[in-house]
Structures are given as structure tokens and as C-alpha cells.
């Protein structure tokens, strides 16, 4: 598409200034410089390209080179060239100032949209209209991935920019929105394109030097983005509480945990009844709770559990016996194992015993 033709009035009385400078040898006045800046601002708002405007200045200078400068001394020529430099510099300053202001406005609008989108604020119909400006069609299903690293990130930091470059290099034609929120990297992609979020997870994990990524399920409509985002955040929170160290977490694989805590009071009662007596042990409940957690994680294989806990098998066996004595439930007995394991999961979810139930 051809660039719009720049009208002559875009440069103002540029030729008149050149003629006056050639005649008098003066520099541009403060008022003239301010006019040039205002013309630059207007040109930026009109959508003209700065390179084309500079080229136009030079073309007009060549076509209307003052006759007084042709047969004049070198000092007169220097004055005209200095005036050209002043005029172009002031014009470019006004142009760039307008562009910076436009960029700030665009950034503010983008941030406001992202906040409204991820928090579910604003009218949903209006939100869907605004989304098209940022490449999203909210009538379709979308999924959200969230990456947490060792530090808080903003959109201008090297890590988000590197991840964005990697995504655009591979999926330049896709409708993807990459941003940051509360120090984490966030990627919103169509639910029908899981490869985008998988690649985001891979790049984010590498760029954050081992950060964890959670991917929410795909949901339809403007509210679907909020739901998927909340699932991803909940998955990261679960990973912290449950000690999950998988580099990539899928909310669909963790649905059992919200189910277990849906009735928080019932879960708290189970933890107290099954594990409350562990607090009478020397050193408190935490060492024995960790023993149970690791023991169940490895499928109740004593040798592997002992290795992970840096214990001898004999020491592990002693701990399991002590748990049996305190709780009345035998971790190695399949009849008792389910209740104990569910209680251990509940304790992690409810942050017990650090938090009183």
C-alpha cells in the first residue's frame, strides 16, 4: 500500500524561512522553532513517516535553494545549511514527541484492556469489541498459560521480550497476546492451538532459568479467559503448597485438588482426626508428615522413600511405626492408606500444621 502523499502545507513556511536566512544570515527564532515542532507533531498525528518528511525537507531545500546563497559567500551558505539543520531537528523533535505520547497512550490502553480481561471487569460485550484491536476473538475458546520465574517481570524486561520474540518467530500469523501480570508472564492463545502454549511453556521455562509454567483449560467467551487464567494461577499455587516441581503444570491434571478442598471444613476435620496426633511427636508433626508425603509419592516403596528423605530404611521403618502408634493407622495397610494419603494431601492444601485448622 502506497504511503499517503504529503501536502506542501505540512512543512509550513519552510521556503520563506530559507529565503530570510539567506538574506540576513540569522538563525531561526524561538517562535519559528516552536512552529516547526508543532508541524512535526501534526505530521505524526496525520500518519506520515518521518523518513519521508526528512526527504521532503531536503527535496524542497534543493528545489528552492535561495538565489542569494548561490552567489553569496561561504558564510551565507553555512547560515542556510544551519537553518536547514535547525528546522529539520525541531520538526523531528515535535514528530518524535507526538509518537512517544501515542505509544504511551497505546500502552495505557493495552494495560487497561489486559487488566479488564484477566479480572473479568467491564461489560463483556464491550470487552469483546476491544479485544479485536489486540488480535483476540473472544467469541471463541481461549486458554491461558502463566509462567513464574525467580523475579518479577514487566513487559519491557529482557525475559518477556525474549519469549515474545521466540513466539513471534514461530507463530507470527497466530492470534496471540503475550503480556505480564503481577510479575508473571502471561500468554493467551486460541484453545484450538495448544502448540502455542506448549512452546510458550518451553521458552518461558528456559528464559526464566527453571521457572514453573501452568496452563489453564480452554474456555469460551470473554469470561473464558478469566476462568483459564484463574486455573493457571491456582495450579501454580497448588504446586507451591503441594511441593510439585514439574516444569509445566496442566490445570486439567490437577482437578482432584479443588474437588478435595471444595468442602474445606470436612477436609479440615479429616486432617485433624487422621493426623492431629502427630503433633505429640518429638519435633512436631512436620517431619512425620513429610515422611508420609514422600512415602505415598513413591508408591509406598520404602527403599526409594528412604533415599529421597536421606534416611536409612531402618530409620524410615521406625518413623512409619511411630506414625502407626500415634494415629492408629498403618501406612503400609491398604485399608488405612487411602484415608491417610487423602489427609496428607489435605494438610498440604490447607498448609497444616503451620496454619491452625
Protein backbone atom coordinates (compact mmCIF):
# COMPACT_ATOMS: atom_id res chain seq x y z
CA UNK A 1 0.00 0.00 0.00
CA UNK A 2 1.45 3.37 -1.04
CA UNK A 3 2.16 5.94 1.64
CA UNK A 4 -0.18 8.97 1.66
CA UNK A 5 1.08 11.97 -0.32
CA UNK A 6 2.43 14.67 1.98
CA UNK A 7 0.86 18.07 1.20
CA UNK A 8 3.09 21.11 0.86
CA UNK A 9 1.49 22.82 3.86
CA UNK A 10 2.89 20.08 6.10
CA UNK A 11 6.21 21.97 6.05
CA UNK A 12 4.68 25.39 6.73
CA UNK A 13 6.61 28.43 5.53
CA UNK A 14 9.85 26.49 5.19
CA UNK A 15 10.90 28.11 1.90
CA UNK A 16 10.23 31.58 3.31
CA UNK A 17 12.48 30.84 6.29
CA UNK A 18 15.29 29.72 3.98
CA UNK A 19 15.00 32.89 1.90
CA UNK A 20 15.02 35.09 5.01
CA UNK A 21 18.06 33.31 6.47
CA UNK A 22 19.95 33.63 3.15
CA UNK A 23 19.24 37.35 3.11
CA UNK A 24 20.08 38.12 6.74
CA UNK A 25 22.25 35.23 7.90
CA UNK A 26 20.20 34.93 11.10
CA UNK A 27 19.25 31.76 12.97
CA UNK A 28 15.69 30.58 13.45
CA UNK A 29 13.75 32.38 16.17
CA UNK A 30 12.23 30.65 19.18
CA UNK A 31 8.75 31.12 17.72
CA UNK A 32 9.84 29.60 14.39
CA UNK A 33 11.36 26.58 16.15
CA UNK A 34 8.18 26.06 18.16
CA UNK A 35 6.15 26.26 14.95
CA UNK A 36 8.40 23.60 13.40
CA UNK A 37 7.81 21.34 16.43
CA UNK A 38 4.06 21.84 16.12
CA UNK A 39 4.21 20.96 12.42
CA UNK A 40 6.15 17.79 13.32
CA UNK A 41 3.51 16.84 15.87
CA UNK A 42 0.72 17.38 13.33
CA UNK A 43 2.56 15.30 10.73
CA UNK A 44 2.95 12.41 13.21
CA UNK A 45 -0.76 12.52 14.06
CA UNK A 46 -1.58 12.55 10.34
CA UNK A 47 0.26 9.24 9.98
CA UNK A 48 3.16 10.37 7.81
CA UNK A 49 6.55 8.66 8.02
CA UNK A 50 9.46 10.64 9.47
CA UNK A 51 11.85 9.39 6.80
CA UNK A 52 9.54 10.68 4.06
CA UNK A 53 9.24 14.03 5.82
CA UNK A 54 13.01 14.45 6.11
CA UNK A 55 13.37 13.54 2.44
CA UNK A 56 10.74 16.16 1.60
CA UNK A 57 12.65 18.80 3.57
CA UNK A 58 15.81 18.03 1.58
CA UNK A 59 13.95 17.99 -1.73
CA UNK A 60 12.34 21.37 -1.02
CA UNK A 61 15.71 22.74 0.08
CA UNK A 62 17.29 21.67 -3.20
CA UNK A 63 14.40 22.93 -5.32
CA UNK A 64 14.11 26.28 -3.56
CA UNK A 65 17.73 26.94 -2.65
CA UNK A 66 17.78 30.70 -2.10
CA UNK A 67 19.33 32.59 -5.01
CA UNK A 68 21.07 34.83 -2.52
CA UNK A 69 23.05 31.81 -1.37
CA UNK A 70 24.10 30.81 -4.88
CA UNK A 71 26.35 33.78 -5.49
CA UNK A 72 26.98 34.55 -1.85
CA UNK A 73 29.88 33.93 0.42
CA UNK A 74 30.57 30.68 2.20
CA UNK A 75 29.21 32.20 5.40
CA UNK A 76 25.80 32.72 3.81
CA UNK A 77 25.75 29.10 2.62
CA UNK A 78 26.70 27.98 6.11
CA UNK A 79 23.83 30.03 7.55
CA UNK A 80 21.32 28.40 5.21
CA UNK A 81 22.61 24.92 5.97
CA UNK A 82 22.49 25.69 9.69
CA UNK A 83 18.88 26.85 9.27
CA UNK A 84 18.03 23.61 7.45
CA UNK A 85 19.57 21.65 10.33
CA UNK A 86 17.63 23.67 12.93
CA UNK A 87 14.35 23.36 11.04
CA UNK A 88 14.61 19.62 10.45
CA UNK A 89 15.76 18.96 14.02
CA UNK A 90 12.86 20.91 15.55
CA UNK A 91 10.40 19.25 13.17
CA UNK A 92 11.71 15.79 14.08
CA UNK A 93 11.59 16.65 17.78
CA UNK A 94 7.91 17.51 17.56
CA UNK A 95 7.25 14.38 15.49
CA UNK A 96 9.02 12.08 17.96
CA UNK A 97 7.38 13.74 20.96
CA UNK A 98 3.96 13.05 19.42
CA UNK A 99 4.94 9.46 18.70
CA UNK A 100 6.10 8.88 22.29
CA UNK A 101 2.82 10.27 23.56
CA UNK A 102 0.91 7.97 21.19
CA UNK A 103 2.93 4.97 22.34
CA UNK A 104 2.23 5.80 25.99
CA UNK A 105 -1.47 6.09 25.23
CA UNK A 106 -1.41 2.76 23.40
CA UNK A 107 0.44 1.12 26.28
CA UNK A 108 -2.06 2.52 28.79
CA UNK A 109 -4.99 1.30 26.69
CA UNK A 110 -3.38 -2.14 26.30
CA UNK A 111 -2.70 -2.43 30.04
CA UNK A 112 -6.25 -1.36 30.88
CA UNK A 113 -7.63 -3.94 28.45
CA UNK A 114 -5.43 -6.70 29.90
CA UNK A 115 -6.46 -5.84 33.46
CA UNK A 116 -10.14 -5.84 32.49
CA UNK A 117 -9.71 -9.09 30.58
CA UNK A 118 -7.90 -11.04 33.29
CA UNK A 119 -10.02 -9.70 36.14
CA UNK A 120 -13.32 -10.02 34.30
CA UNK A 121 -14.09 -6.34 34.65
CA UNK A 122 -16.02 -4.15 32.20
CA UNK A 123 -19.03 -5.04 30.09
CA UNK A 124 -18.36 -8.36 28.36
CA UNK A 125 -19.75 -7.18 25.03
CA UNK A 126 -17.59 -4.08 25.08
CA UNK A 127 -14.62 -6.16 26.18
CA UNK A 128 -15.06 -8.44 23.18
CA UNK A 129 -15.10 -5.41 20.87
CA UNK A 130 -11.90 -4.04 22.38
CA UNK A 131 -10.26 -7.46 22.10
CA UNK A 132 -10.26 -7.39 18.30
CA UNK A 133 -7.91 -4.42 18.44
CA UNK A 134 -5.37 -6.65 20.20
CA UNK A 135 -5.84 -9.67 17.94
CA UNK A 136 -8.28 -11.73 20.05
CA UNK A 137 -11.72 -13.03 19.08
CA UNK A 138 -13.32 -13.73 22.42
CA UNK A 139 -16.33 -15.46 20.93
CA UNK A 140 -14.01 -18.45 20.52
CA UNK A 141 -12.39 -20.58 23.20
CA UNK A 142 -9.07 -19.41 24.65
CA UNK A 143 -6.58 -20.87 27.08
CA UNK A 144 -4.10 -19.04 29.28
CA UNK A 145 -0.62 -20.03 30.38
CA UNK A 146 1.18 -18.31 33.27
CA UNK A 147 4.92 -18.54 33.94
CA UNK A 148 6.50 -17.67 37.27
CA UNK A 149 10.24 -17.08 37.50
CA UNK A 150 12.73 -16.17 40.15
CA UNK A 151 11.87 -12.47 39.90
CA UNK A 152 9.01 -10.17 38.98
CA UNK A 153 8.88 -9.18 35.30
CA UNK A 154 7.45 -6.27 33.33
CA UNK A 155 6.77 -6.23 29.60
CA UNK A 156 9.96 -4.27 28.85
CA UNK A 157 12.29 -6.69 30.67
CA UNK A 158 14.63 -8.90 28.61
CA UNK A 159 12.95 -12.18 29.63
CA UNK A 160 9.41 -11.36 28.37
CA UNK A 161 10.87 -9.79 25.24
CA UNK A 162 12.93 -12.90 24.52
CA UNK A 163 9.91 -15.16 24.98
CA UNK A 164 7.79 -12.91 22.77
CA UNK A 165 10.45 -12.93 20.03
CA UNK A 166 10.57 -16.74 20.13
CA UNK A 167 6.78 -16.99 19.85
CA UNK A 168 6.50 -14.47 17.02
CA UNK A 169 9.31 -16.16 15.12
CA UNK A 170 7.34 -19.41 15.10
CA UNK A 171 3.70 -18.26 15.22
CA UNK A 172 3.75 -14.85 13.54
CA UNK A 173 0.33 -15.36 11.96
CA UNK A 174 -1.47 -16.59 15.08
CA UNK A 175 -3.78 -14.54 17.28
CA UNK A 176 -1.65 -14.48 20.43
CA UNK A 177 -1.47 -11.99 23.30
CA UNK A 178 1.66 -12.03 25.45
CA UNK A 179 1.92 -9.80 28.49
CA UNK A 180 2.93 -9.68 32.14
CA UNK A 181 0.71 -9.54 35.19
CA UNK A 182 1.78 -9.30 38.84
CA UNK A 183 5.36 -10.10 37.86
CA UNK A 184 4.48 -13.25 35.89
CA UNK A 185 4.49 -13.92 32.15
CA UNK A 186 1.04 -14.49 30.66
CA UNK A 187 0.18 -15.92 27.24
CA UNK A 188 -3.37 -16.02 25.85
CA UNK A 189 -3.93 -18.18 22.78
CA UNK A 190 -6.85 -19.81 20.96
CA UNK A 191 -7.93 -23.03 22.65
CA UNK A 192 -7.64 -24.85 19.34
CA UNK A 193 -3.88 -24.15 19.21
CA UNK A 194 -2.30 -25.90 22.22
CA UNK A 195 1.05 -25.93 20.41
CA UNK A 196 1.34 -22.19 21.07
CA UNK A 197 1.09 -22.60 24.84
CA UNK A 198 3.40 -25.61 24.81
CA UNK A 199 6.03 -23.53 23.01
CA UNK A 200 5.42 -20.63 25.41
CA UNK A 201 5.95 -23.01 28.33
CA UNK A 202 9.19 -24.32 26.84
CA UNK A 203 10.57 -20.86 26.10
CA UNK A 204 9.47 -19.40 29.45
CA UNK A 205 10.96 -22.27 31.44
CA UNK A 206 14.29 -21.71 29.68
CA UNK A 207 14.21 -17.88 29.78
CA UNK A 208 13.34 -17.79 33.50
CA UNK A 209 16.09 -20.33 34.21
CA UNK A 210 13.83 -23.05 35.52
CA UNK A 211 10.63 -21.15 36.26
CA UNK A 212 7.36 -23.06 36.50
CA UNK A 213 4.56 -22.72 33.97
CA UNK A 214 0.89 -23.53 34.45
CA UNK A 215 -1.63 -23.91 31.63
CA UNK A 216 -5.34 -23.46 32.22
CA UNK A 217 -8.07 -25.27 30.33
CA UNK A 218 -9.66 -23.70 27.24
CA UNK A 219 -12.95 -21.86 27.87
CA UNK A 220 -15.25 -20.00 25.52
CA UNK A 221 -16.23 -16.33 25.61
CA UNK A 222 -14.77 -13.25 27.39
CA UNK A 223 -15.31 -14.91 30.75
CA UNK A 224 -13.44 -17.96 29.49
CA UNK A 225 -10.12 -16.11 29.55
CA UNK A 226 -10.67 -15.21 33.20
CA UNK A 227 -11.56 -18.81 34.05
CA UNK A 228 -8.47 -20.21 32.31
CA UNK A 229 -6.24 -17.58 33.90
CA UNK A 230 -7.61 -18.38 37.37
CA UNK A 231 -7.00 -22.09 36.78
CA UNK A 232 -3.39 -21.42 35.82
CA UNK A 233 -2.84 -19.28 38.92
CA UNK A 234 -4.45 -21.93 41.13
CA UNK A 235 -2.18 -24.57 39.59
CA UNK A 236 0.90 -22.51 40.47
CA UNK A 237 -0.40 -22.03 44.00
CA UNK A 238 -1.07 -25.76 44.32
CA UNK A 239 2.45 -26.50 43.13
CA UNK A 240 3.84 -24.34 45.93
CA UNK A 241 1.66 -25.90 48.61
CA UNK A 242 2.00 -29.47 47.40
CA UNK A 243 5.69 -29.29 46.55
CA UNK A 244 5.07 -30.10 42.89
CA UNK A 245 8.24 -29.46 40.91
CA UNK A 246 7.04 -30.29 37.39
CA UNK A 247 8.24 -27.59 34.97
CA UNK A 248 4.83 -27.49 33.26
CA UNK A 249 1.55 -27.95 35.11
CA UNK A 250 -1.79 -28.57 33.37
CA UNK A 251 -4.88 -27.49 35.29
CA UNK A 252 -6.75 -30.43 33.78
CA UNK A 253 -4.37 -32.81 35.58
CA UNK A 254 -4.92 -31.15 38.96
CA UNK A 255 -8.71 -31.09 39.13
CA UNK A 256 -8.73 -33.58 42.01
CA UNK A 257 -7.27 -30.97 44.38
CA UNK A 258 -10.05 -28.38 44.06
CA UNK A 259 -12.54 -31.23 44.49
CA UNK A 260 -10.84 -32.29 47.73
CA UNK A 261 -10.98 -28.78 49.16
CA UNK A 262 -14.45 -27.87 47.93
CA UNK A 263 -15.74 -28.73 51.41
CA UNK A 264 -12.96 -27.10 53.40
CA UNK A 265 -14.50 -27.87 56.79
CA UNK A 266 -14.82 -31.57 56.00
CA UNK A 267 -11.21 -31.69 54.84
CA UNK A 268 -10.04 -29.87 57.98
CA UNK A 269 -11.93 -32.40 60.11
CA UNK A 270 -10.26 -35.26 58.25
CA UNK A 271 -6.78 -33.77 58.74
CA UNK A 272 -7.37 -33.22 62.44
CA UNK A 273 -8.80 -36.70 63.03
CA UNK A 274 -6.20 -38.58 60.97
CA UNK A 275 -3.04 -36.52 61.59
CA UNK A 276 -3.68 -34.32 64.62
CA UNK A 277 -1.99 -36.78 66.96
CA UNK A 278 1.30 -36.39 65.04
CA UNK A 279 1.79 -33.10 66.86
CA UNK A 280 2.60 -35.09 70.01
CA UNK A 281 5.73 -36.50 68.37
CA UNK A 282 9.17 -35.19 69.30
CA UNK A 283 9.92 -32.46 66.79
CA UNK A 284 6.27 -31.90 65.97
CA UNK A 285 4.14 -33.16 63.11
CA UNK A 286 6.11 -31.80 60.15
CA UNK A 287 8.87 -34.48 59.93
CA UNK A 288 6.35 -37.33 60.08
CA UNK A 289 4.02 -35.53 57.66
CA UNK A 290 6.90 -35.19 55.19
CA UNK A 291 7.69 -38.86 55.64
CA UNK A 292 4.12 -39.82 54.76
CA UNK A 293 4.06 -37.47 51.78
CA UNK A 294 7.25 -38.90 50.27
CA UNK A 295 6.26 -42.48 51.11
CA UNK A 296 2.98 -42.13 49.23
CA UNK A 297 4.60 -40.22 46.33
CA UNK A 298 6.92 -43.16 45.59
CA UNK A 299 4.15 -45.73 45.70
CA UNK A 300 4.94 -46.89 49.25
CA UNK A 301 8.36 -48.25 48.25
CA UNK A 302 10.40 -47.99 51.46
CA UNK A 303 13.87 -48.04 49.87
CA UNK A 304 13.07 -45.21 47.47
CA UNK A 305 11.32 -43.17 50.17
CA UNK A 306 14.32 -43.58 52.47
CA UNK A 307 16.66 -42.45 49.69
CA UNK A 308 14.64 -39.31 49.00
CA UNK A 309 14.46 -38.48 52.69
CA UNK A 310 18.19 -39.18 53.16
CA UNK A 311 17.35 -41.83 55.77
CA UNK A 312 18.27 -45.45 56.24
CA UNK A 313 15.49 -47.95 55.57
CA UNK A 314 15.60 -48.80 59.26
CA UNK A 315 15.06 -45.16 60.23
CA UNK A 316 12.18 -44.87 57.76
CA UNK A 317 10.60 -48.01 59.18
CA UNK A 318 10.86 -46.55 62.68
CA UNK A 319 9.07 -43.37 61.51
CA UNK A 320 6.27 -45.37 59.92
CA UNK A 321 5.85 -47.37 63.10
CA UNK A 322 5.73 -44.17 65.13
CA UNK A 323 3.03 -42.81 62.80
CA UNK A 324 1.07 -46.03 63.32
CA UNK A 325 1.38 -45.70 67.08
CA UNK A 326 0.26 -42.04 67.13
CA UNK A 327 -2.57 -42.21 64.59
CA UNK A 328 -3.73 -45.81 64.91
CA UNK A 329 -3.46 -46.09 61.10
CA UNK A 330 -0.83 -48.23 59.39
CA UNK A 331 0.59 -46.51 56.25
CA UNK A 332 1.52 -49.88 54.78
CA UNK A 333 -2.01 -51.26 55.17
CA UNK A 334 -4.14 -50.67 52.06
CA UNK A 335 -7.24 -50.34 54.28
CA UNK A 336 -5.71 -47.35 56.08
CA UNK A 337 -3.65 -45.93 53.24
CA UNK A 338 -6.39 -44.09 51.35
CA UNK A 339 -7.58 -42.08 54.37
CA UNK A 340 -4.04 -41.26 55.42
CA UNK A 341 -3.00 -40.20 51.94
CA UNK A 342 -6.10 -38.04 51.47
CA UNK A 343 -5.42 -36.42 54.85
CA UNK A 344 -1.80 -35.75 53.87
CA UNK A 345 -2.94 -34.06 50.65
CA UNK A 346 -5.46 -32.04 52.64
CA UNK A 347 -2.76 -30.99 55.11
CA UNK A 348 -0.64 -29.62 52.26
CA UNK A 349 -3.59 -27.86 50.68
CA UNK A 350 -4.59 -26.27 53.99
CA UNK A 351 -0.98 -25.53 54.99
CA UNK A 352 -1.23 -27.60 58.16
CA UNK A 353 0.35 -27.68 60.71
CA UNK A 354 1.71 -24.16 60.02
CA UNK A 355 -1.90 -22.94 59.87
CA UNK A 356 -4.23 -23.88 62.68
CA UNK A 357 -7.38 -25.64 61.49
